[in-house]
C-alpha atoms as a PDB file:
ATOM      1  CA  UNK A   1      17.092   9.121  16.809  1.00  0.00           C
ATOM      2  CA  UNK A   2      15.173  10.355  13.777  1.00  0.00           C
ATOM      3  CA  UNK A   3      11.547   9.434  13.248  1.00  0.00           C
ATOM      4  CA  UNK A   4       9.901   8.120  10.099  1.00  0.00           C
ATOM      5  CA  UNK A   5       6.635   9.935   9.455  1.00  0.00           C
ATOM      6  CA  UNK A   6       4.278   8.525   6.821  1.00  0.00           C
ATOM      7  CA  UNK A   7       1.969  11.188   5.429  1.00  0.00           C
ATOM      8  CA  UNK A   8      -1.035  10.307   3.278  1.00  0.00           C
ATOM      9  CA  UNK A   9      -4.102  11.874   1.720  1.00  0.00           C
ATOM     10  CA  UNK A  10      -6.900   9.364   2.355  1.00  0.00           C
ATOM     11  CA  UNK A  11     -10.615   9.108   1.563  1.00  0.00           C
ATOM     12  CA  UNK A  12     -13.177   8.066   4.162  1.00  0.00           C
ATOM     13  CA  UNK A  13     -13.115   4.548   2.718  1.00  0.00           C
ATOM     14  CA  UNK A  14      -9.321   4.318   2.993  1.00  0.00           C
ATOM     15  CA  UNK A  15      -8.270   5.015  -0.602  1.00  0.00           C
ATOM     16  CA  UNK A  16      -4.926   6.781  -1.091  1.00  0.00           C
ATOM     17  CA  UNK A  17      -4.421   6.178  -4.817  1.00  0.00           C
ATOM     18  CA  UNK A  18      -4.113   9.051  -7.312  1.00  0.00           C
ATOM     19  CA  UNK A  19      -5.115  11.811  -4.884  1.00  0.00           C
ATOM     20  CA  UNK A  20      -6.278  14.302  -7.515  1.00  0.00           C
ATOM     21  CA  UNK A  21      -9.630  14.165  -5.701  1.00  0.00           C
ATOM     22  CA  UNK A  22      -8.047  16.227  -2.896  1.00  0.00           C
ATOM     23  CA  UNK A  23      -7.594  19.408  -4.967  1.00  0.00           C
ATOM     24  CA  UNK A  24     -11.083  20.914  -4.399  1.00  0.00           C
ATOM     25  CA  UNK A  25     -10.466  20.792  -0.632  1.00  0.00           C
ATOM     26  CA  UNK A  26      -7.027  22.434  -0.581  1.00  0.00           C
ATOM     27  CA  UNK A  27      -6.914  25.627   1.456  1.00  0.00           C
ATOM     28  CA  UNK A  28      -4.527  27.699   3.579  1.00  0.00           C
ATOM     29  CA  UNK A  29      -5.157  25.537   6.657  1.00  0.00           C
ATOM     30  CA  UNK A  30      -4.098  22.351   4.865  1.00  0.00           C
ATOM     31  CA  UNK A  31      -1.163  24.186   3.301  1.00  0.00           C
ATOM     32  CA  UNK A  32      -0.023  25.254   6.789  1.00  0.00           C
ATOM     33  CA  UNK A  33      -0.331  21.675   8.105  1.00  0.00           C
ATOM     34  CA  UNK A  34       1.698  20.342   5.166  1.00  0.00           C
ATOM     35  CA  UNK A  35       4.200  23.194   5.590  1.00  0.00           C
ATOM     36  CA  UNK A  36       4.744  22.225   9.234  1.00  0.00           C
ATOM     37  CA  UNK A  37       5.385  18.622   8.103  1.00  0.00           C
ATOM     38  CA  UNK A  38       7.940  19.863   5.606  1.00  0.00           C
ATOM     39  CA  UNK A  39       9.648  22.089   8.169  1.00  0.00           C
ATOM     40  CA  UNK A  40       9.975  19.131  10.554  1.00  0.00           C
ATOM     41  CA  UNK A  41      11.710  16.872   8.006  1.00  0.00           C
ATOM     42  CA  UNK A  42      15.088  17.064   6.326  1.00  0.00           C
ATOM     43  CA  UNK A  43      14.812  13.874   4.264  1.00  0.00           C
ATOM     44  CA  UNK A  44      12.304  11.982   2.160  1.00  0.00           C
ATOM     45  CA  UNK A  45      11.942   8.219   1.901  1.00  0.00           C
ATOM     46  CA  UNK A  46      10.096   7.275  -1.268  1.00  0.00           C
ATOM     47  CA  UNK A  47       9.081   4.225  -3.236  1.00  0.00           C
ATOM     48  CA  UNK A  48       9.852   4.024  -6.944  1.00  0.00           C
ATOM     49  CA  UNK A  49       6.436   5.101  -8.262  1.00  0.00           C
ATOM     50  CA  UNK A  50       6.165   8.181  -6.033  1.00  0.00           C
ATOM     51  CA  UNK A  51       9.820   9.046  -6.640  1.00  0.00           C
ATOM     52  CA  UNK A  52       9.395   8.934 -10.415  1.00  0.00           C
ATOM     53  CA  UNK A  53       6.221  11.025 -10.214  1.00  0.00           C
ATOM     54  CA  UNK A  54       7.873  13.624  -7.988  1.00  0.00           C
ATOM     55  CA  UNK A  55      11.050  13.665 -10.125  1.00  0.00           C
ATOM     56  CA  UNK A  56       8.948  14.353 -13.210  1.00  0.00           C
ATOM     57  CA  UNK A  57       6.899  17.132 -11.602  1.00  0.00           C
ATOM     58  CA  UNK A  58       8.933  19.057  -9.021  1.00  0.00           C
ATOM     59  CA  UNK A  59      11.964  20.176 -11.085  1.00  0.00           C
ATOM     60  CA  UNK A  60       9.663  22.158 -13.407  1.00  0.00           C
ATOM     61  CA  UNK A  61       7.359  23.367 -10.647  1.00  0.00           C
ATOM     62  CA  UNK A  62       7.062  26.946  -9.495  1.00  0.00           C
ATOM     63  CA  UNK A  63       4.892  25.883  -6.539  1.00  0.00           C
ATOM     64  CA  UNK A  64       5.712  26.875  -2.983  1.00  0.00           C
ATOM     65  CA  UNK A  65       7.284  23.515  -2.061  1.00  0.00           C
ATOM     66  CA  UNK A  66       9.484  23.144  -5.146  1.00  0.00           C
ATOM     67  CA  UNK A  67      12.708  24.339  -3.515  1.00  0.00           C
ATOM     68  CA  UNK A  68      12.275  21.907  -0.629  1.00  0.00           C
ATOM     69  CA  UNK A  69      11.414  18.871  -2.772  1.00  0.00           C
ATOM     70  CA  UNK A  70      14.140  19.587  -5.309  1.00  0.00           C
ATOM     71  CA  UNK A  71      16.890  20.050  -2.722  1.00  0.00           C
ATOM     72  CA  UNK A  72      16.031  17.800   0.228  1.00  0.00           C
ATOM     73  CA  UNK A  73      17.885  14.465   0.611  1.00  0.00           C
ATOM     74  CA  UNK A  74      15.776  11.758  -1.021  1.00  0.00           C
ATOM     75  CA  UNK A  75      16.175   8.058  -0.226  1.00  0.00           C
ATOM     76  CA  UNK A  76      14.552   5.901  -2.894  1.00  0.00           C
ATOM     77  CA  UNK A  77      13.666   2.283  -2.173  1.00  0.00           C
ATOM     78  CA  UNK A  78      13.562   0.273  -5.399  1.00  0.00           C
ATOM     79  CA  UNK A  79      14.778  -3.058  -6.663  1.00  0.00           C
ATOM     80  CA  UNK A  80      14.067  -2.099 -10.287  1.00  0.00           C
ATOM     81  CA  UNK A  81      15.749   1.306 -10.670  1.00  0.00           C
ATOM     82  CA  UNK A  82      19.416   1.338 -11.654  1.00  0.00           C
ATOM     83  CA  UNK A  83      19.959   4.938 -10.581  1.00  0.00           C
ATOM     84  CA  UNK A  84      18.206   7.892  -8.958  1.00  0.00           C
ATOM     85  CA  UNK A  85      19.174  10.975 -10.963  1.00  0.00           C
ATOM     86  CA  UNK A  86      16.991  13.651  -9.370  1.00  0.00           C
ATOM     87  CA  UNK A  87      19.047  16.096  -7.302  1.00  0.00           C
ATOM     88  CA  UNK A  88      20.240  14.799  -3.913  1.00  0.00           C
ATOM     89  CA  UNK A  89      18.774  11.288  -4.348  1.00  0.00           C
ATOM     90  CA  UNK A  90      20.204   8.060  -2.957  1.00  0.00           C
ATOM     91  CA  UNK A  91      19.027   4.652  -4.168  1.00  0.00           C
ATOM     92  CA  UNK A  92      18.454   1.871  -1.623  1.00  0.00           C
ATOM     93  CA  UNK A  93      18.276  -1.532  -3.337  1.00  0.00           C
ATOM     94  CA  UNK A  94      19.658  -4.059  -0.850  1.00  0.00           C
ATOM     95  CA  UNK A  95      19.370  -4.665   2.889  1.00  0.00           C
ATOM     96  CA  UNK A  96      16.530  -2.159   2.934  1.00  0.00           C
ATOM     97  CA  UNK A  97      15.499  -2.531   6.588  1.00  0.00           C
ATOM     98  CA  UNK A  98      19.109  -2.271   7.785  1.00  0.00           C
ATOM     99  CA  UNK A  99      19.800   0.753   5.556  1.00  0.00           C
ATOM    100  CA  UNK A 100      16.690   2.567   6.774  1.00  0.00           C
ATOM    101  CA  UNK A 101      17.471   1.714  10.395  1.00  0.00           C
ATOM    102  CA  UNK A 102      20.951   3.213   9.914  1.00  0.00           C
ATOM    103  CA  UNK A 103      19.449   6.379   8.405  1.00  0.00           C
ATOM    104  CA  UNK A 104      17.071   6.683  11.385  1.00  0.00           C
ATOM    105  CA  UNK A 105      20.077   6.537  13.731  1.00  0.00           C
ATOM    106  CA  UNK A 106      21.782   9.522  12.047  1.00  0.00           C
ATOM    107  CA  UNK A 107      21.438  13.026  13.415  1.00  0.00           C
ATOM    108  CA  UNK A 108      18.680  15.054  11.821  1.00  0.00           C
ATOM    109  CA  UNK A 109      15.021  15.834  11.648  1.00  0.00           C
ATOM    110  CA  UNK A 110      12.106  13.591  10.675  1.00  0.00           C
ATOM    111  CA  UNK A 111      12.224  11.447   7.552  1.00  0.00           C
ATOM    112  CA  UNK A 112       8.971  11.927   5.623  1.00  0.00           C
ATOM    113  CA  UNK A 113       7.309   9.276   3.497  1.00  0.00           C
ATOM    114  CA  UNK A 114       4.841  10.882   1.064  1.00  0.00           C
ATOM    115  CA  UNK A 115       2.458   8.504  -0.679  1.00  0.00           C
ATOM    116  CA  UNK A 116       4.553   5.446  -1.549  1.00  0.00           C
ATOM    117  CA  UNK A 117       1.752   3.110  -0.428  1.00  0.00           C
ATOM    118  CA  UNK A 118       3.561  -0.217  -0.765  1.00  0.00           C
ATOM    119  CA  UNK A 119       6.678   1.161   0.915  1.00  0.00           C
ATOM    120  CA  UNK A 120       4.629   2.762   3.713  1.00  0.00           C
ATOM    121  CA  UNK A 121       2.845  -0.513   4.438  1.00  0.00           C
ATOM    122  CA  UNK A 122       6.125  -2.465   4.368  1.00  0.00           C
ATOM    123  CA  UNK A 123       7.759   0.059   6.725  1.00  0.00           C
ATOM    124  CA  UNK A 124       4.837  -0.290   9.136  1.00  0.00           C
ATOM    125  CA  UNK A 125       5.070  -4.091   9.001  1.00  0.00           C
ATOM    126  CA  UNK A 126       8.807  -3.815   9.792  1.00  0.00           C
ATOM    127  CA  UNK A 127       8.133  -1.572  12.801  1.00  0.00           C
ATOM    128  CA  UNK A 128      10.075   1.314  11.245  1.00  0.00           C
ATOM    129  CA  UNK A 129       7.281   3.921  11.172  1.00  0.00           C
ATOM    130  CA  UNK A 130       7.000   6.201  14.189  1.00  0.00           C
ATOM    131  CA  UNK A 131       4.112   8.480  13.191  1.00  0.00           C
ATOM    132  CA  UNK A 132       1.310   8.428  10.685  1.00  0.00           C
ATOM    133  CA  UNK A 133      -0.168  11.703   9.416  1.00  0.00           C
ATOM    134  CA  UNK A 134      -3.499  11.187   7.680  1.00  0.00           C
ATOM    135  CA  UNK A 135      -5.403  13.959   5.980  1.00  0.00           C
ATOM    136  CA  UNK A 136      -8.864  12.380   5.773  1.00  0.00           C
ATOM    137  CA  UNK A 137     -11.043  13.833   3.012  1.00  0.00           C
ATOM    138  CA  UNK A 138     -14.852  13.807   3.139  1.00  0.00           C
ATOM    139  CA  UNK A 139     -15.218  11.624   0.048  1.00  0.00           C
ATOM    140  CA  UNK A 140     -15.999   7.950  -0.528  1.00  0.00           C
ATOM    141  CA  UNK A 141     -14.307   6.729  -3.697  1.00  0.00           C
ATOM    142  CA  UNK A 142     -15.555   3.144  -3.690  1.00  0.00           C
ATOM    143  CA  UNK A 143     -12.416   1.728  -5.261  1.00  0.00           C
ATOM    144  CA  UNK A 144      -8.677   2.180  -5.440  1.00  0.00           C
ATOM    145  CA  UNK A 145      -5.579   1.249  -3.518  1.00  0.00           C
ATOM    146  CA  UNK A 146      -6.057   1.407   0.221  1.00  0.00           C
ATOM    147  CA  UNK A 147      -3.417   2.183   2.819  1.00  0.00           C
ATOM    148  CA  UNK A 148      -4.361  -0.867   4.891  1.00  0.00           C
ATOM    149  CA  UNK A 149      -5.370  -3.870   2.820  1.00  0.00           C
ATOM    150  CA  UNK A 150      -7.494  -6.588   4.367  1.00  0.00           C
ATOM    151  CA  UNK A 151      -5.669  -8.733   6.885  1.00  0.00           C
ATOM    152  CA  UNK A 152      -3.165  -6.105   8.097  1.00  0.00           C
ATOM    153  CA  UNK A 153      -3.703  -5.492  11.841  1.00  0.00           C
ATOM    154  CA  UNK A 154      -2.137  -2.696  13.874  1.00  0.00           C
ATOM    155  CA  UNK A 155      -2.523  -0.526  16.930  1.00  0.00           C
ATOM    156  CA  UNK A 156      -2.320   3.235  16.698  1.00  0.00           C
ATOM    157  CA  UNK A 157      -2.437   5.912  19.389  1.00  0.00           C
ATOM    158  CA  UNK A 158      -4.042   9.231  18.468  1.00  0.00           C
ATOM    159  CA  UNK A 159      -1.577  12.021  19.213  1.00  0.00           C
ATOM    160  CA  UNK A 160      -3.362  14.944  17.551  1.00  0.00           C
ATOM    161  CA  UNK A 161      -6.438  15.771  15.526  1.00  0.00           C
ATOM    162  CA  UNK A 162      -7.502  18.907  13.743  1.00  0.00           C
ATOM    163  CA  UNK A 163     -10.557  19.730  11.646  1.00  0.00           C
ATOM    164  CA  UNK A 164     -10.212  22.137   8.742  1.00  0.00           C
ATOM    165  CA  UNK A 165     -12.959  24.388   7.386  1.00  0.00           C
ATOM    166  CA  UNK A 166     -13.034  22.363   4.131  1.00  0.00           C
ATOM    167  CA  UNK A 167     -14.216  19.277   6.046  1.00  0.00           C
ATOM    168  CA  UNK A 168     -10.809  17.593   5.921  1.00  0.00           C
ATOM    169  CA  UNK A 169      -9.564  16.144   9.200  1.00  0.00           C
ATOM    170  CA  UNK A 170      -5.892  15.790  10.106  1.00  0.00           C
ATOM    171  CA  UNK A 171      -5.159  12.758  12.277  1.00  0.00           C
ATOM    172  CA  UNK A 172      -1.699  12.205  13.716  1.00  0.00           C
ATOM    173  CA  UNK A 173      -1.041   8.766  15.139  1.00  0.00           C
ATOM    174  CA  UNK A 174       1.891   7.300  17.012  1.00  0.00           C
ATOM    175  CA  UNK A 175       2.512   3.665  16.116  1.00  0.00           C
ATOM    176  CA  UNK A 176       2.777   1.228  18.955  1.00  0.00           C
ATOM    177  CA  UNK A 177       5.543  -1.276  18.280  1.00  0.00           C
ATOM    178  CA  UNK A 178       5.341  -4.643  19.947  1.00  0.00           C
END
């Protein structure tokens, strides 16, 4: 069975919104960590906002990951989109939990969720997330959308941690489903 892996850039105070603040910390170590994530997944699961941002940026990109993002299978969860036109995209509008459960049961590699904060939280609440990859940046932003809003409990088991020379820490958690 495939695993859903949520991957987020996060500040020390839990903010994941508009991660432009991560750019000064990017280095080869972080690129290698993100490259390993990409190599382990053969599908993306995205919310509407992240999907639209990626669809606007990646087709014109010459960056290292452009081929992957432009060609990988993309599942887009949205009740407001009528279509998902970006190459190799599939729209999921109805019976979302059942559709995602069926995708997890297919043969294949991990299914990565990049950003997509509301979707990531909903997936965790539904017990559909298997791993959480957090790149924790040594900044306190003081405001912005947080991955875990107040009142959302959970239990995580640390599976791996790695400190990068830029001060960023990679934390990989397994989610414990009750």
